[in-house]
N, C-alpha and C. Protein backbone atom coordinates (compact mmCIF):
# COMPACT_ATOMS: atom_id res chain seq x y z
N MET A 1 7.99 -17.26 7.82
CA MET A 1 7.03 -17.31 6.72
C MET A 1 6.47 -15.93 6.46
N ALA A 2 6.11 -15.71 5.23
CA ALA A 2 5.55 -14.43 4.82
C ALA A 2 4.17 -14.66 4.22
N ARG A 3 3.51 -13.56 3.93
CA ARG A 3 2.20 -13.62 3.28
C ARG A 3 2.34 -12.96 1.91
N LEU A 4 1.97 -13.68 0.87
CA LEU A 4 2.01 -13.16 -0.49
C LEU A 4 0.63 -12.62 -0.84
N ILE A 5 0.57 -11.33 -1.14
CA ILE A 5 -0.69 -10.70 -1.53
C ILE A 5 -0.59 -10.37 -3.01
N LYS A 6 -1.40 -11.06 -3.80
CA LYS A 6 -1.39 -10.85 -5.24
C LYS A 6 -2.25 -9.64 -5.58
N SER A 7 -1.93 -9.00 -6.69
CA SER A 7 -2.68 -7.81 -7.08
C SER A 7 -4.12 -8.11 -7.44
N ASN A 8 -4.43 -9.38 -7.73
CA ASN A 8 -5.82 -9.75 -8.05
C ASN A 8 -6.64 -10.03 -6.79
N GLY A 9 -6.02 -9.88 -5.61
CA GLY A 9 -6.73 -10.07 -4.35
C GLY A 9 -6.49 -11.41 -3.69
N ASP A 10 -5.92 -12.37 -4.41
CA ASP A 10 -5.60 -13.67 -3.82
C ASP A 10 -4.47 -13.52 -2.81
N THR A 11 -4.50 -14.37 -1.79
CA THR A 11 -3.46 -14.34 -0.75
C THR A 11 -2.98 -15.76 -0.48
N ILE A 12 -1.67 -15.89 -0.34
CA ILE A 12 -1.06 -17.14 0.11
C ILE A 12 -0.50 -16.85 1.50
N ALA A 13 -1.10 -17.46 2.51
CA ALA A 13 -0.80 -17.11 3.90
C ALA A 13 0.61 -17.49 4.33
N ASP A 14 1.10 -18.65 3.95
CA ASP A 14 2.41 -19.12 4.42
C ASP A 14 3.36 -19.31 3.24
N TYR A 15 3.80 -18.20 2.68
CA TYR A 15 4.72 -18.25 1.55
C TYR A 15 6.14 -18.36 2.07
N SER A 16 6.88 -19.35 1.59
CA SER A 16 8.26 -19.55 2.03
C SER A 16 9.16 -18.52 1.35
N CYS A 17 9.84 -17.74 2.15
CA CYS A 17 10.75 -16.72 1.60
C CYS A 17 12.16 -17.00 2.09
N SER A 18 12.61 -18.23 1.91
CA SER A 18 13.89 -18.67 2.45
C SER A 18 15.10 -18.26 1.62
N SER A 19 14.87 -17.69 0.45
CA SER A 19 16.00 -17.29 -0.39
C SER A 19 15.65 -16.04 -1.19
N LEU A 20 16.66 -15.37 -1.69
CA LEU A 20 16.45 -14.21 -2.54
C LEU A 20 15.64 -14.59 -3.77
N LYS A 21 15.94 -15.74 -4.35
CA LYS A 21 15.21 -16.19 -5.54
C LYS A 21 13.72 -16.36 -5.24
N ALA A 22 13.40 -16.94 -4.09
CA ALA A 22 12.00 -17.12 -3.71
C ALA A 22 11.29 -15.78 -3.56
N MET A 23 11.99 -14.80 -2.99
CA MET A 23 11.40 -13.47 -2.84
C MET A 23 11.22 -12.80 -4.20
N GLN A 24 12.21 -12.93 -5.07
CA GLN A 24 12.10 -12.34 -6.41
C GLN A 24 11.00 -13.02 -7.23
N ASP A 25 10.89 -14.33 -7.09
CA ASP A 25 9.82 -15.05 -7.79
C ASP A 25 8.44 -14.58 -7.32
N ALA A 26 8.34 -14.30 -6.03
CA ALA A 26 7.05 -13.87 -5.47
C ALA A 26 6.57 -12.56 -6.07
N VAL A 27 7.49 -11.61 -6.28
CA VAL A 27 7.10 -10.29 -6.78
C VAL A 27 7.32 -10.15 -8.29
N GLY A 28 7.92 -11.14 -8.91
CA GLY A 28 8.11 -11.12 -10.36
C GLY A 28 9.25 -10.25 -10.84
N GLY A 29 10.29 -10.10 -10.04
CA GLY A 29 11.45 -9.31 -10.46
C GLY A 29 12.31 -8.94 -9.27
N TYR A 30 13.16 -7.95 -9.49
CA TYR A 30 14.01 -7.48 -8.40
C TYR A 30 13.16 -6.92 -7.27
N ILE A 31 13.58 -7.21 -6.04
CA ILE A 31 12.79 -6.77 -4.89
C ILE A 31 13.19 -5.37 -4.43
N GLU A 32 12.20 -4.67 -3.92
CA GLU A 32 12.41 -3.38 -3.26
C GLU A 32 11.61 -3.42 -1.97
N PRO A 33 12.26 -3.22 -0.82
CA PRO A 33 11.51 -3.23 0.43
C PRO A 33 10.80 -1.90 0.68
N VAL A 34 9.60 -2.00 1.19
CA VAL A 34 8.84 -0.85 1.67
C VAL A 34 8.65 -1.09 3.16
N TYR A 35 9.17 -0.17 3.97
CA TYR A 35 9.17 -0.36 5.42
C TYR A 35 7.98 0.34 6.07
N THR A 36 7.31 -0.39 6.96
CA THR A 36 6.30 0.21 7.82
C THR A 36 6.73 -0.05 9.26
N SER A 37 6.02 0.48 10.20
CA SER A 37 6.40 0.26 11.60
C SER A 37 6.23 -1.20 12.01
N ARG A 38 5.36 -1.91 11.33
CA ARG A 38 5.07 -3.29 11.71
C ARG A 38 5.58 -4.32 10.70
N TRP A 39 5.65 -3.95 9.43
CA TRP A 39 5.95 -4.90 8.36
C TRP A 39 7.07 -4.41 7.45
N VAL A 40 7.67 -5.38 6.77
CA VAL A 40 8.52 -5.09 5.61
C VAL A 40 7.78 -5.71 4.44
N VAL A 41 7.45 -4.89 3.45
CA VAL A 41 6.69 -5.34 2.30
C VAL A 41 7.62 -5.30 1.09
N LEU A 42 7.83 -6.45 0.47
CA LEU A 42 8.68 -6.52 -0.71
C LEU A 42 7.83 -6.39 -1.94
N VAL A 43 8.24 -5.50 -2.83
CA VAL A 43 7.52 -5.25 -4.07
C VAL A 43 8.49 -5.36 -5.24
N ASN A 44 7.94 -5.38 -6.44
CA ASN A 44 8.75 -5.40 -7.65
C ASN A 44 9.33 -4.00 -7.85
N GLU A 45 10.66 -3.93 -7.91
CA GLU A 45 11.36 -2.66 -8.04
C GLU A 45 10.92 -1.87 -9.27
N GLU A 46 10.52 -2.56 -10.34
CA GLU A 46 10.14 -1.90 -11.58
C GLU A 46 8.63 -1.96 -11.83
N GLY A 47 7.87 -2.15 -10.76
CA GLY A 47 6.43 -2.30 -10.88
C GLY A 47 5.74 -1.15 -11.57
N PHE A 48 6.09 0.08 -11.20
CA PHE A 48 5.45 1.24 -11.83
C PHE A 48 5.91 1.40 -13.27
N LEU A 49 7.19 1.14 -13.53
CA LEU A 49 7.71 1.24 -14.90
C LEU A 49 7.03 0.23 -15.83
N ASN A 50 6.69 -0.93 -15.27
CA ASN A 50 6.07 -1.99 -16.07
C ASN A 50 4.54 -1.95 -16.03
N ASN A 51 4.00 -0.88 -15.45
CA ASN A 51 2.54 -0.69 -15.38
C ASN A 51 1.81 -1.89 -14.77
N LEU A 52 2.36 -2.42 -13.68
CA LEU A 52 1.70 -3.51 -12.99
C LEU A 52 0.41 -2.99 -12.34
N PRO A 53 -0.57 -3.86 -12.17
CA PRO A 53 -1.85 -3.42 -11.58
C PRO A 53 -1.70 -3.05 -10.10
N ILE A 54 -2.54 -2.14 -9.67
CA ILE A 54 -2.53 -1.70 -8.27
C ILE A 54 -2.89 -2.87 -7.35
N ASN A 55 -2.22 -2.93 -6.23
CA ASN A 55 -2.48 -3.94 -5.22
C ASN A 55 -3.16 -3.23 -4.05
N ILE A 56 -4.46 -3.32 -3.99
CA ILE A 56 -5.25 -2.55 -3.03
C ILE A 56 -4.90 -2.92 -1.59
N GLU A 57 -4.82 -4.20 -1.29
CA GLU A 57 -4.55 -4.61 0.09
C GLU A 57 -3.14 -4.20 0.54
N ALA A 58 -2.14 -4.41 -0.32
CA ALA A 58 -0.77 -4.02 0.03
C ALA A 58 -0.66 -2.50 0.15
N SER A 59 -1.38 -1.77 -0.68
CA SER A 59 -1.37 -0.31 -0.60
C SER A 59 -1.92 0.15 0.75
N ALA A 60 -2.97 -0.51 1.23
CA ALA A 60 -3.55 -0.16 2.53
C ALA A 60 -2.57 -0.45 3.65
N ILE A 61 -1.84 -1.53 3.56
CA ILE A 61 -0.85 -1.88 4.59
C ILE A 61 0.27 -0.86 4.63
N CYS A 62 0.71 -0.42 3.45
CA CYS A 62 1.86 0.48 3.36
C CYS A 62 1.51 1.96 3.47
N GLY A 63 0.24 2.29 3.24
CA GLY A 63 -0.14 3.69 3.26
C GLY A 63 0.35 4.47 2.06
N GLN A 64 0.62 3.77 0.98
CA GLN A 64 1.05 4.38 -0.27
C GLN A 64 0.71 3.43 -1.40
N PRO A 65 0.66 3.91 -2.64
CA PRO A 65 0.31 3.02 -3.75
C PRO A 65 1.36 1.92 -3.95
N ILE A 66 0.89 0.70 -4.02
CA ILE A 66 1.74 -0.46 -4.30
C ILE A 66 1.16 -1.15 -5.52
N VAL A 67 2.03 -1.54 -6.44
CA VAL A 67 1.57 -2.23 -7.64
C VAL A 67 2.20 -3.62 -7.70
N GLY A 68 1.49 -4.53 -8.35
CA GLY A 68 1.98 -5.90 -8.50
C GLY A 68 1.81 -6.70 -7.22
N ASP A 69 2.35 -7.90 -7.26
CA ASP A 69 2.27 -8.78 -6.10
C ASP A 69 3.22 -8.29 -5.02
N ALA A 70 2.86 -8.50 -3.77
CA ALA A 70 3.65 -8.00 -2.65
C ALA A 70 3.83 -9.10 -1.61
N LEU A 71 5.02 -9.17 -1.07
CA LEU A 71 5.36 -10.15 -0.05
C LEU A 71 5.47 -9.42 1.28
N VAL A 72 4.58 -9.74 2.21
CA VAL A 72 4.53 -9.06 3.51
C VAL A 72 5.19 -9.96 4.54
N MET A 73 6.18 -9.42 5.22
CA MET A 73 6.88 -10.20 6.25
C MET A 73 7.11 -9.36 7.49
N THR A 74 7.32 -10.05 8.59
CA THR A 74 7.61 -9.36 9.84
C THR A 74 9.05 -8.86 9.79
N TRP A 75 9.35 -7.92 10.68
CA TRP A 75 10.72 -7.44 10.78
C TRP A 75 11.68 -8.58 11.15
N GLU A 76 11.22 -9.50 11.98
CA GLU A 76 12.07 -10.63 12.39
C GLU A 76 12.41 -11.50 11.19
N ASP A 77 11.40 -11.78 10.35
CA ASP A 77 11.66 -12.57 9.14
C ASP A 77 12.63 -11.85 8.22
N TRP A 78 12.44 -10.56 8.06
CA TRP A 78 13.30 -9.76 7.19
C TRP A 78 14.74 -9.75 7.72
N ASP A 79 14.89 -9.54 9.02
CA ASP A 79 16.22 -9.53 9.63
C ASP A 79 16.93 -10.86 9.49
N SER A 80 16.18 -11.95 9.56
CA SER A 80 16.80 -13.27 9.44
C SER A 80 17.27 -13.56 8.01
N GLN A 81 16.73 -12.83 7.03
CA GLN A 81 17.14 -13.01 5.63
C GLN A 81 18.37 -12.18 5.28
N ASN A 82 18.67 -11.19 6.06
CA ASN A 82 19.76 -10.27 5.74
C ASN A 82 20.88 -10.31 6.73
């Protein structure tokens, strides 16, 4: 299970990310992984191009600006999907 952090601050703690479609639906488009030492954060690949709003919580997790909704998963969850 992953955690979906919406750019408006809402969070869904147990978001099912069992398929590529579910991951793409979560971020609203093609996924792009952002890797941290602890997490893999999936974001919308075209988020900056589409002027999506800043996601403050996801940005803090990643240590860089993140826009749009973000799907935060453990490395184990990410590895099981690929």
